[in-house]
Amino acid sequence: ASLDGRRSTVPGVQNPQEVSVGFFHVLNADHAIKGSA
């Protein structure tokens, strides 16, 4: 889980902030899946 923020590239626009949750799952020695919201 993370909290991220940055300066907006567009002058006058509020600096974006967002939260995210995600996973990374190893299926086997050669494959993995991942996802986030």
PDB file of all heavy atoms in Angstrom:
ATOM      1  N   ALA A   1       0.858  -1.180   0.000  1.00  0.00           N
ATOM      2  CA  ALA A   1       0.000   0.000   0.000  1.00  0.00           C
ATOM      3  C   ALA A   1       0.896   1.233   0.000  1.00  0.00           C
ATOM      4  O   ALA A   1       1.995   1.211   0.569  1.00  0.00           O
ATOM      5  CB  ALA A   1      -0.927   0.005   1.210  1.00  0.00           C
ATOM      6  N   SER A   2       0.451   2.316  -0.636  1.00  0.00           N
ATOM      7  CA  SER A   2       1.293   3.508  -0.712  1.00  0.00           C
ATOM      8  C   SER A   2       0.464   4.777  -0.827  1.00  0.00           C
ATOM      9  O   SER A   2      -0.703   4.754  -1.254  1.00  0.00           O
ATOM     10  CB  SER A   2       2.255   3.419  -1.906  1.00  0.00           C
ATOM     11  OG  SER A   2       1.551   3.476  -3.134  1.00  0.00           O
ATOM     12  N   LEU A   3       1.085   5.872  -0.445  1.00  0.00           N
ATOM     13  CA  LEU A   3       0.569   7.230  -0.653  1.00  0.00           C
ATOM     14  C   LEU A   3       1.560   7.939  -1.553  1.00  0.00           C
ATOM     15  O   LEU A   3       2.760   7.982  -1.249  1.00  0.00           O
ATOM     16  CB  LEU A   3       0.441   7.965   0.684  1.00  0.00           C
ATOM     17  CG  LEU A   3       0.225   9.483   0.597  1.00  0.00           C
ATOM     18  CD1 LEU A   3      -1.130   9.797  -0.022  1.00  0.00           C
ATOM     19  CD2 LEU A   3       0.359  10.127   1.971  1.00  0.00           C
ATOM     20  N   ASP A   4       1.090   8.482  -2.665  1.00  0.00           N
ATOM     21  CA  ASP A   4       1.961   9.124  -3.642  1.00  0.00           C
ATOM     22  C   ASP A   4       1.464  10.529  -3.960  1.00  0.00           C
ATOM     23  O   ASP A   4       0.254  10.774  -4.023  1.00  0.00           O
ATOM     24  CB  ASP A   4       2.013   8.308  -4.935  1.00  0.00           C
ATOM     25  CG  ASP A   4       2.524   6.899  -4.714  1.00  0.00           C
ATOM     26  OD1 ASP A   4       3.726   6.757  -4.432  1.00  0.00           O
ATOM     27  OD2 ASP A   4       1.722   5.950  -4.799  1.00  0.00           O
ATOM     28  N   GLY A   5       2.403  11.422  -4.177  1.00  0.00           N
ATOM     29  CA  GLY A   5       2.067  12.792  -4.550  1.00  0.00           C
ATOM     30  C   GLY A   5       3.100  13.349  -5.501  1.00  0.00           C
ATOM     31  O   GLY A   5       4.230  12.852  -5.590  1.00  0.00           O
ATOM     32  N   ARG A   6       2.730  14.391  -6.210  1.00  0.00           N
ATOM     33  CA  ARG A   6       3.648  15.011  -7.157  1.00  0.00           C
ATOM     34  C   ARG A   6       3.173  16.415  -7.494  1.00  0.00           C
ATOM     35  O   ARG A   6       2.012  16.767  -7.275  1.00  0.00           O
ATOM     36  CB  ARG A   6       3.740  14.184  -8.446  1.00  0.00           C
ATOM     37  CG  ARG A   6       2.434  14.021  -9.199  1.00  0.00           C
ATOM     38  CD  ARG A   6       2.587  13.051 -10.357  1.00  0.00           C
ATOM     39  NE  ARG A   6       1.351  12.890 -11.111  1.00  0.00           N
ATOM     40  CZ  ARG A   6       0.397  12.026 -10.803  1.00  0.00           C
ATOM     41  NH1 ARG A   6       0.527  11.257  -9.730  1.00  0.00           N
ATOM     42  NH2 ARG A   6      -0.690  11.928 -11.547  1.00  0.00           N
ATOM     43  N   ARG A   7       4.064  17.192  -8.028  1.00  0.00           N
ATOM     44  CA  ARG A   7       3.710  18.522  -8.509  1.00  0.00           C
ATOM     45  C   ARG A   7       2.981  18.384  -9.837  1.00  0.00           C
ATOM     46  O   ARG A   7       3.391  17.616 -10.714  1.00  0.00           O
ATOM     47  CB  ARG A   7       4.973  19.356  -8.701  1.00  0.00           C
ATOM     48  CG  ARG A   7       4.718  20.789  -9.132  1.00  0.00           C
ATOM     49  CD  ARG A   7       6.014  21.458  -9.508  1.00  0.00           C
ATOM     50  NE  ARG A   7       5.837  22.874  -9.782  1.00  0.00           N
ATOM     51  CZ  ARG A   7       6.757  23.638 -10.369  1.00  0.00           C
ATOM     52  NH1 ARG A   7       7.905  23.105 -10.752  1.00  0.00           N
ATOM     53  NH2 ARG A   7       6.533  24.916 -10.587  1.00  0.00           N
ATOM     54  N   SER A   8       1.898  19.121 -10.004  1.00  0.00           N
ATOM     55  CA  SER A   8       1.161  19.060 -11.263  1.00  0.00           C
ATOM     56  C   SER A   8       1.988  19.661 -12.388  1.00  0.00           C
ATOM     57  O   SER A   8       2.685  20.666 -12.203  1.00  0.00           O
ATOM     58  CB  SER A   8      -0.157  19.820 -11.125  1.00  0.00           C
ATOM     59  OG  SER A   8      -0.814  19.897 -12.383  1.00  0.00           O
ATOM     60  N   THR A   9       1.916  19.046 -13.548  1.00  0.00           N
ATOM     61  CA  THR A   9       2.605  19.594 -14.711  1.00  0.00           C
ATOM     62  C   THR A   9       1.911  20.827 -15.257  1.00  0.00           C
ATOM     63  O   THR A   9       2.525  21.629 -15.946  1.00  0.00           O
ATOM     64  CB  THR A   9       2.681  18.540 -15.830  1.00  0.00           C
ATOM     65  OG1 THR A   9       1.364  18.101 -16.152  1.00  0.00           O
ATOM     66  CG2 THR A   9       3.517  17.353 -15.391  1.00  0.00           C
ATOM     67  N   VAL A  10       0.618  20.982 -14.971  1.00  0.00           N
ATOM     68  CA  VAL A  10      -0.159  22.105 -15.495  1.00  0.00           C
ATOM     69  C   VAL A  10      -0.200  23.208 -14.450  1.00  0.00           C
ATOM     70  O   VAL A  10      -0.705  23.001 -13.340  1.00  0.00           O
ATOM     71  CB  VAL A  10      -1.587  21.660 -15.853  1.00  0.00           C
ATOM     72  CG1 VAL A  10      -2.389  22.834 -16.418  1.00  0.00           C
ATOM     73  CG2 VAL A  10      -1.554  20.501 -16.845  1.00  0.00           C
ATOM     74  N   PRO A  11       0.305  24.401 -14.739  1.00  0.00           N
ATOM     75  CA  PRO A  11       0.276  25.486 -13.754  1.00  0.00           C
ATOM     76  C   PRO A  11      -1.157  25.817 -13.327  1.00  0.00           C
ATOM     77  O   PRO A  11      -2.077  25.830 -14.135  1.00  0.00           O
ATOM     78  CB  PRO A  11       0.905  26.662 -14.518  1.00  0.00           C
ATOM     79  CG  PRO A  11       1.752  26.026 -15.575  1.00  0.00           C
ATOM     80  CD  PRO A  11       1.019  24.783 -15.975  1.00  0.00           C
ATOM     81  N   GLY A  12      -1.330  26.021 -12.013  1.00  0.00           N
ATOM     82  CA  GLY A  12      -2.635  26.380 -11.491  1.00  0.00           C
ATOM     83  C   GLY A  12      -3.508  25.218 -11.104  1.00  0.00           C
ATOM     84  O   GLY A  12      -4.574  25.416 -10.513  1.00  0.00           O
ATOM     85  N   VAL A  13      -3.098  23.994 -11.423  1.00  0.00           N
ATOM     86  CA  VAL A  13      -3.867  22.802 -11.071  1.00  0.00           C
ATOM     87  C   VAL A  13      -3.335  22.233  -9.761  1.00  0.00           C
ATOM     88  O   VAL A  13      -2.139  22.234  -9.515  1.00  0.00           O
ATOM     89  CB  VAL A  13      -3.789  21.749 -12.195  1.00  0.00           C
ATOM     90  CG1 VAL A  13      -4.430  20.433 -11.764  1.00  0.00           C
ATOM     91  CG2 VAL A  13      -4.454  22.269 -13.458  1.00  0.00           C
ATOM     92  N   GLN A  14      -4.250  21.750  -8.898  1.00  0.00           N
ATOM     93  CA  GLN A  14      -3.855  21.208  -7.608  1.00  0.00           C
ATOM     94  C   GLN A  14      -2.904  20.029  -7.782  1.00  0.00           C
ATOM     95  O   GLN A  14      -3.085  19.177  -8.650  1.00  0.00           O
ATOM     96  CB  GLN A  14      -5.095  20.758  -6.834  1.00  0.00           C
ATOM     97  CG  GLN A  14      -4.829  20.387  -5.389  1.00  0.00           C
ATOM     98  CD  GLN A  14      -6.112  20.116  -4.620  1.00  0.00           C
ATOM     99  OE1 GLN A  14      -7.181  19.998  -5.211  1.00  0.00           O
ATOM    100  NE2 GLN A  14      -6.013  20.024  -3.303  1.00  0.00           N
ATOM    101  N   ASN A  15      -1.865  19.990  -6.956  1.00  0.00           N
ATOM    102  CA  ASN A  15      -0.885  18.910  -7.028  1.00  0.00           C
ATOM    103  C   ASN A  15      -1.549  17.574  -6.702  1.00  0.00           C
ATOM    104  O   ASN A  15      -2.155  17.425  -5.642  1.00  0.00           O
ATOM    105  CB  ASN A  15       0.258  19.166  -6.057  1.00  0.00           C
ATOM    106  CG  ASN A  15       1.089  20.373  -6.438  1.00  0.00           C
ATOM    107  OD1 ASN A  15       1.166  20.745  -7.603  1.00  0.00           O
ATOM    108  ND2 ASN A  15       1.701  20.999  -5.450  1.00  0.00           N
ATOM    109  N   PRO A  16      -1.459  16.574  -7.587  1.00  0.00           N
ATOM    110  CA  PRO A  16      -2.164  15.298  -7.380  1.00  0.00           C
ATOM    111  C   PRO A  16      -1.627  14.517  -6.195  1.00  0.00           C
ATOM    112  O   PRO A  16      -0.416  14.470  -5.950  1.00  0.00           O
ATOM    113  CB  PRO A  16      -1.926  14.545  -8.693  1.00  0.00           C
ATOM    114  CG  PRO A  16      -1.461  15.568  -9.676  1.00  0.00           C
ATOM    115  CD  PRO A  16      -0.761  16.611  -8.883  1.00  0.00           C
ATOM    116  N   GLN A  17      -2.538  13.856  -5.493  1.00  0.00           N
ATOM    117  CA  GLN A  17      -2.205  12.881  -4.465  1.00  0.00           C
ATOM    118  C   GLN A  17      -3.132  11.686  -4.645  1.00  0.00           C
ATOM    119  O   GLN A  17      -4.296  11.856  -5.011  1.00  0.00           O
ATOM    120  CB  GLN A  17      -2.387  13.451  -3.053  1.00  0.00           C
ATOM    121  CG  GLN A  17      -1.354  14.479  -2.658  1.00  0.00           C
ATOM    122  CD  GLN A  17      -1.554  14.940  -1.223  1.00  0.00           C
ATOM    123  OE1 GLN A  17      -2.669  15.042  -0.742  1.00  0.00           O
ATOM    124  NE2 GLN A  17      -0.458  15.220  -0.540  1.00  0.00           N
ATOM    125  N   GLU A  18      -2.623  10.493  -4.388  1.00  0.00           N
ATOM    126  CA  GLU A  18      -3.443   9.294  -4.515  1.00  0.00           C
ATOM    127  C   GLU A  18      -2.940   8.197  -3.601  1.00  0.00           C
ATOM    128  O   GLU A  18      -1.778   8.215  -3.165  1.00  0.00           O
ATOM    129  CB  GLU A  18      -3.479   8.805  -5.960  1.00  0.00           C
ATOM    130  CG  GLU A  18      -2.136   8.384  -6.521  1.00  0.00           C
ATOM    131  CD  GLU A  18      -2.212   8.049  -8.005  1.00  0.00           C
ATOM    132  OE1 GLU A  18      -2.499   8.958  -8.800  1.00  0.00           O
ATOM    133  OE2 GLU A  18      -1.967   6.875  -8.340  1.00  0.00           O
ATOM    134  N   VAL A  19      -3.810   7.267  -3.287  1.00  0.00           N
ATOM    135  CA  VAL A  19      -3.452   6.084  -2.513  1.00  0.00           C
ATOM    136  C   VAL A  19      -3.643   4.867  -3.403  1.00  0.00           C
ATOM    137  O   VAL A  19      -4.493   4.863  -4.312  1.00  0.00           O
ATOM    138  CB  VAL A  19      -4.304   5.947  -1.232  1.00  0.00           C
ATOM    139  CG1 VAL A  19      -3.967   7.050  -0.254  1.00  0.00           C
ATOM    140  CG2 VAL A  19      -5.788   5.945  -1.561  1.00  0.00           C
ATOM    141  N   SER A  20      -2.861   3.823  -3.141  1.00  0.00           N
ATOM    142  CA  SER A  20      -2.966   2.617  -3.952  1.00  0.00           C
ATOM    143  C   SER A  20      -2.710   1.391  -3.092  1.00  0.00           C
ATOM    144  O   SER A  20      -2.012   1.456  -2.070  1.00  0.00           O
ATOM    145  CB  SER A  20      -1.974   2.648  -5.119  1.00  0.00           C
ATOM    146  OG  SER A  20      -0.640   2.625  -4.646  1.00  0.00           O
ATOM    147  N   VAL A  21      -3.296   0.274  -3.503  1.00  0.00           N
ATOM    148  CA  VAL A  21      -3.022  -1.027  -2.911  1.00  0.00           C
ATOM    149  C   VAL A  21      -2.749  -1.992  -4.056  1.00  0.00           C
ATOM    150  O   VAL A  21      -3.338  -1.862  -5.140  1.00  0.00           O
ATOM    151  CB  VAL A  21      -4.192  -1.543  -2.041  1.00  0.00           C
ATOM    152  CG1 VAL A  21      -4.370  -0.678  -0.819  1.00  0.00           C
ATOM    153  CG2 VAL A  21      -5.484  -1.607  -2.847  1.00  0.00           C
ATOM    154  N   GLY A  22      -1.851  -2.942  -3.846  1.00  0.00           N
ATOM    155  CA  GLY A  22      -1.507  -3.858  -4.917  1.00  0.00           C
ATOM    156  C   GLY A  22      -0.925  -5.152  -4.409  1.00  0.00           C
ATOM    157  O   GLY A  22      -0.657  -5.317  -3.213  1.00  0.00           O
ATOM    158  N   PHE A  23      -0.719  -6.086  -5.344  1.00  0.00           N
ATOM    159  CA  PHE A  23      -0.145  -7.385  -4.992  1.00  0.00           C
ATOM    160  C   PHE A  23       0.788  -7.850  -6.088  1.00  0.00           C
ATOM    161  O   PHE A  23       0.698  -7.422  -7.247  1.00  0.00           O
ATOM    162  CB  PHE A  23      -1.254  -8.427  -4.785  1.00  0.00           C
ATOM    163  CG  PHE A  23      -1.899  -8.885  -6.082  1.00  0.00           C
ATOM    164  CD1 PHE A  23      -1.415 -10.006  -6.744  1.00  0.00           C
ATOM    165  CD2 PHE A  23      -2.964  -8.194  -6.636  1.00  0.00           C
ATOM    166  CE1 PHE A  23      -1.981 -10.427  -7.940  1.00  0.00           C
ATOM    167  CE2 PHE A  23      -3.537  -8.617  -7.819  1.00  0.00           C
ATOM    168  CZ  PHE A  23      -3.052  -9.737  -8.481  1.00  0.00           C
ATOM    169  N   PHE A  24       1.701  -8.731  -5.717  1.00  0.00           N
ATOM    170  CA  PHE A  24       2.589  -9.415  -6.658  1.00  0.00           C
ATOM    171  C   PHE A  24       2.658 -10.864  -6.199  1.00  0.00           C
ATOM    172  O   PHE A  24       3.106 -11.141  -5.080  1.00  0.00           O
ATOM    173  CB  PHE A  24       3.982  -8.783  -6.665  1.00  0.00           C
ATOM    174  CG  PHE A  24       4.894  -9.329  -7.728  1.00  0.00           C
ATOM    175  CD1 PHE A  24       4.990  -8.704  -8.957  1.00  0.00           C
ATOM    176  CD2 PHE A  24       5.650 -10.470  -7.506  1.00  0.00           C
ATOM    177  CE1 PHE A  24       5.831  -9.205  -9.952  1.00  0.00           C
ATOM    178  CE2 PHE A  24       6.490 -10.979  -8.477  1.00  0.00           C
ATOM    179  CZ  PHE A  24       6.578 -10.339  -9.709  1.00  0.00           C
ATOM    180  N   HIS A  25       2.203 -11.794  -7.042  1.00  0.00           N
ATOM    181  CA  HIS A  25       2.108 -13.200  -6.661  1.00  0.00           C
ATOM    182  C   HIS A  25       2.935 -14.053  -7.610  1.00  0.00           C
ATOM    183  O   HIS A  25       2.759 -14.000  -8.836  1.00  0.00           O
ATOM    184  CB  HIS A  25       0.656 -13.669  -6.687  1.00  0.00           C
ATOM    185  CG  HIS A  25       0.497 -15.131  -6.394  1.00  0.00           C
ATOM    186  ND1 HIS A  25       0.770 -15.674  -5.146  1.00  0.00           N
ATOM    187  CD2 HIS A  25       0.122 -16.180  -7.181  1.00  0.00           C
ATOM    188  CE1 HIS A  25       0.559 -16.980  -5.182  1.00  0.00           C
ATOM    189  NE2 HIS A  25       0.167 -17.315  -6.402  1.00  0.00           N
ATOM    190  N   VAL A  26       3.846 -14.844  -7.050  1.00  0.00           N
ATOM    191  CA  VAL A  26       4.686 -15.746  -7.834  1.00  0.00           C
ATOM    192  C   VAL A  26       3.934 -17.052  -8.045  1.00  0.00           C
ATOM    193  O   VAL A  26       3.619 -17.767  -7.086  1.00  0.00           O
ATOM    194  CB  VAL A  26       6.024 -16.004  -7.115  1.00  0.00           C
ATOM    195  CG1 VAL A  26       6.855 -17.008  -7.901  1.00  0.00           C
ATOM    196  CG2 VAL A  26       6.791 -14.698  -6.929  1.00  0.00           C
ATOM    197  N   LEU A  27       3.633 -17.370  -9.313  1.00  0.00           N
ATOM    198  CA  LEU A  27       2.932 -18.612  -9.635  1.00  0.00           C
ATOM    199  C   LEU A  27       3.879 -19.806  -9.617  1.00  0.00           C
ATOM    200  O   LEU A  27       3.557 -20.869  -9.082  1.00  0.00           O
ATOM    201  CB  LEU A  27       2.263 -18.485 -10.998  1.00  0.00           C
ATOM    202  CG  LEU A  27       1.177 -17.412 -11.124  1.00  0.00           C
ATOM    203  CD1 LEU A  27       0.734 -17.269 -12.578  1.00  0.00           C
ATOM    204  CD2 LEU A  27      -0.014 -17.756 -10.243  1.00  0.00           C
ATOM    205  N   ASN A  28       5.042 -19.629 -10.236  1.00  0.00           N
ATOM    206  CA  ASN A  28       6.067 -20.672 -10.285  1.00  0.00           C
ATOM    207  C   ASN A  28       7.394 -20.012 -10.621  1.00  0.00           C
ATOM    208  O   ASN A  28       7.506 -18.784 -10.576  1.00  0.00           O
ATOM    209  CB  ASN A  28       5.690 -21.767 -11.300  1.00  0.00           C
ATOM    210  CG  ASN A  28       5.353 -21.193 -12.668  1.00  0.00           C
ATOM    211  OD1 ASN A  28       6.102 -20.377 -13.196  1.00  0.00           O
ATOM    212  ND2 ASN A  28       4.230 -21.620 -13.228  1.00  0.00           N
ATOM    213  N   ALA A  29       8.387 -20.809 -10.962  1.00  0.00           N
ATOM    214  CA  ALA A  29       9.730 -20.267 -11.203  1.00  0.00           C
ATOM    215  C   ALA A  29       9.787 -19.329 -12.398  1.00  0.00           C
ATOM    216  O   ALA A  29      10.707 -18.510 -12.496  1.00  0.00           O
ATOM    217  CB  ALA A  29      10.722 -21.415 -11.396  1.00  0.00           C
ATOM    218  N   ASP A  30       8.815 -19.416 -13.309  1.00  0.00           N
ATOM    219  CA  ASP A  30       8.886 -18.636 -14.542  1.00  0.00           C
ATOM    220  C   ASP A  30       7.735 -17.649 -14.728  1.00  0.00           C
ATOM    221  O   ASP A  30       7.748 -16.886 -15.698  1.00  0.00           O
ATOM    222  CB  ASP A  30       8.923 -19.571 -15.760  1.00  0.00           C
ATOM    223  CG  ASP A  30      10.158 -20.445 -15.782  1.00  0.00           C
ATOM    224  OD1 ASP A  30      11.234 -19.963 -15.381  1.00  0.00           O
ATOM    225  OD2 ASP A  30      10.052 -21.612 -16.186  1.00  0.00           O
ATOM    226  N   HIS A  31       6.734 -17.656 -13.860  1.00  0.00           N
ATOM    227  CA  HIS A  31       5.559 -16.809 -14.065  1.00  0.00           C
ATOM    228  C   HIS A  31       5.123 -16.130 -12.770  1.00  0.00           C
ATOM    229  O   HIS A  31       5.250 -16.698 -11.686  1.00  0.00           O
ATOM    230  CB  HIS A  31       4.381 -17.622 -14.617  1.00  0.00           C
ATOM    231  CG  HIS A  31       4.640 -18.266 -15.933  1.00  0.00           C
ATOM    232  ND1 HIS A  31       5.249 -19.498 -16.053  1.00  0.00           N
ATOM    233  CD2 HIS A  31       4.382 -17.843 -17.208  1.00  0.00           C
ATOM    234  CE1 HIS A  31       5.355 -19.813 -17.337  1.00  0.00           C
ATOM    235  NE2 HIS A  31       4.833 -18.828 -18.059  1.00  0.00           N
ATOM    236  N   ALA A  32       4.595 -14.915 -12.910  1.00  0.00           N
ATOM    237  CA  ALA A  32       4.026 -14.180 -11.780  1.00  0.00           C
ATOM    238  C   ALA A  32       2.895 -13.311 -12.308  1.00  0.00           C
ATOM    239  O   ALA A  32       2.821 -12.995 -13.507  1.00  0.00           O
ATOM    240  CB  ALA A  32       5.087 -13.320 -11.097  1.00  0.00           C
ATOM    241  N   ILE A  33       1.981 -12.930 -11.428  1.00  0.00           N
ATOM    242  CA  ILE A  33       0.914 -12.001 -11.759  1.00  0.00           C
ATOM    243  C   ILE A  33       0.955 -10.847 -10.762  1.00  0.00           C
ATOM    244  O   ILE A  33       1.456 -10.987  -9.642  1.00  0.00           O
ATOM    245  CB  ILE A  33      -0.477 -12.666 -11.748  1.00  0.00           C
ATOM    246  CG1 ILE A  33      -0.764 -13.282 -10.372  1.00  0.00           C
ATOM    247  CG2 ILE A  33      -0.591 -13.682 -12.855  1.00  0.00           C
ATOM    248  CD1 ILE A  33      -2.175 -13.841 -10.258  1.00  0.00           C
ATOM    249  N   LYS A  34       0.411  -9.700 -11.173  1.00  0.00           N
ATOM    250  CA  LYS A  34       0.407  -8.525 -10.304  1.00  0.00           C
ATOM    251  C   LYS A  34      -0.805  -7.674 -10.633  1.00  0.00           C
ATOM    252  O   LYS A  34      -1.395  -7.776 -11.722  1.00  0.00           O
ATOM    253  CB  LYS A  34       1.685  -7.707 -10.490  1.00  0.00           C
ATOM    254  CG  LYS A  34       1.860  -7.159 -11.902  1.00  0.00           C
ATOM    255  CD  LYS A  34       3.124  -6.342 -12.033  1.00  0.00           C
ATOM    256  CE  LYS A  34       3.234  -5.739 -13.435  1.00  0.00           C
ATOM    257  NZ  LYS A  34       4.396  -4.832 -13.559  1.00  0.00           N
ATOM    258  N   GLY A  35      -1.186  -6.819  -9.702  1.00  0.00           N
ATOM    259  CA  GLY A  35      -2.320  -5.947  -9.924  1.00  0.00           C
ATOM    260  C   GLY A  35      -2.364  -4.868  -8.870  1.00  0.00           C
ATOM    261  O   GLY A  35      -1.730  -4.973  -7.817  1.00  0.00           O
ATOM    262  N   SER A  36      -3.117  -3.800  -9.143  1.00  0.00           N
ATOM    263  CA  SER A  36      -3.266  -2.724  -8.163  1.00  0.00           C
ATOM    264  C   SER A  36      -4.535  -1.938  -8.458  1.00  0.00           C
ATOM    265  O   SER A  36      -5.085  -1.986  -9.567  1.00  0.00           O
ATOM    266  CB  SER A  36      -2.049  -1.788  -8.184  1.00  0.00           C
ATOM    267  OG  SER A  36      -1.983  -1.053  -9.390  1.00  0.00           O
ATOM    268  N   ALA A  37      -4.989  -1.217  -7.447  1.00  0.00           N
ATOM    269  CA  ALA A  37      -6.105  -0.288  -7.568  1.00  0.00           C
ATOM    270  C   ALA A  37      -5.696   1.005  -6.883  1.00  0.00           C
ATOM    271  O   ALA A  37      -4.981   0.973  -5.859  1.00  0.00           O
ATOM    272  CB  ALA A  37      -7.378  -0.865  -6.938  1.00  0.00           C
TER     273      ALA A  37
END
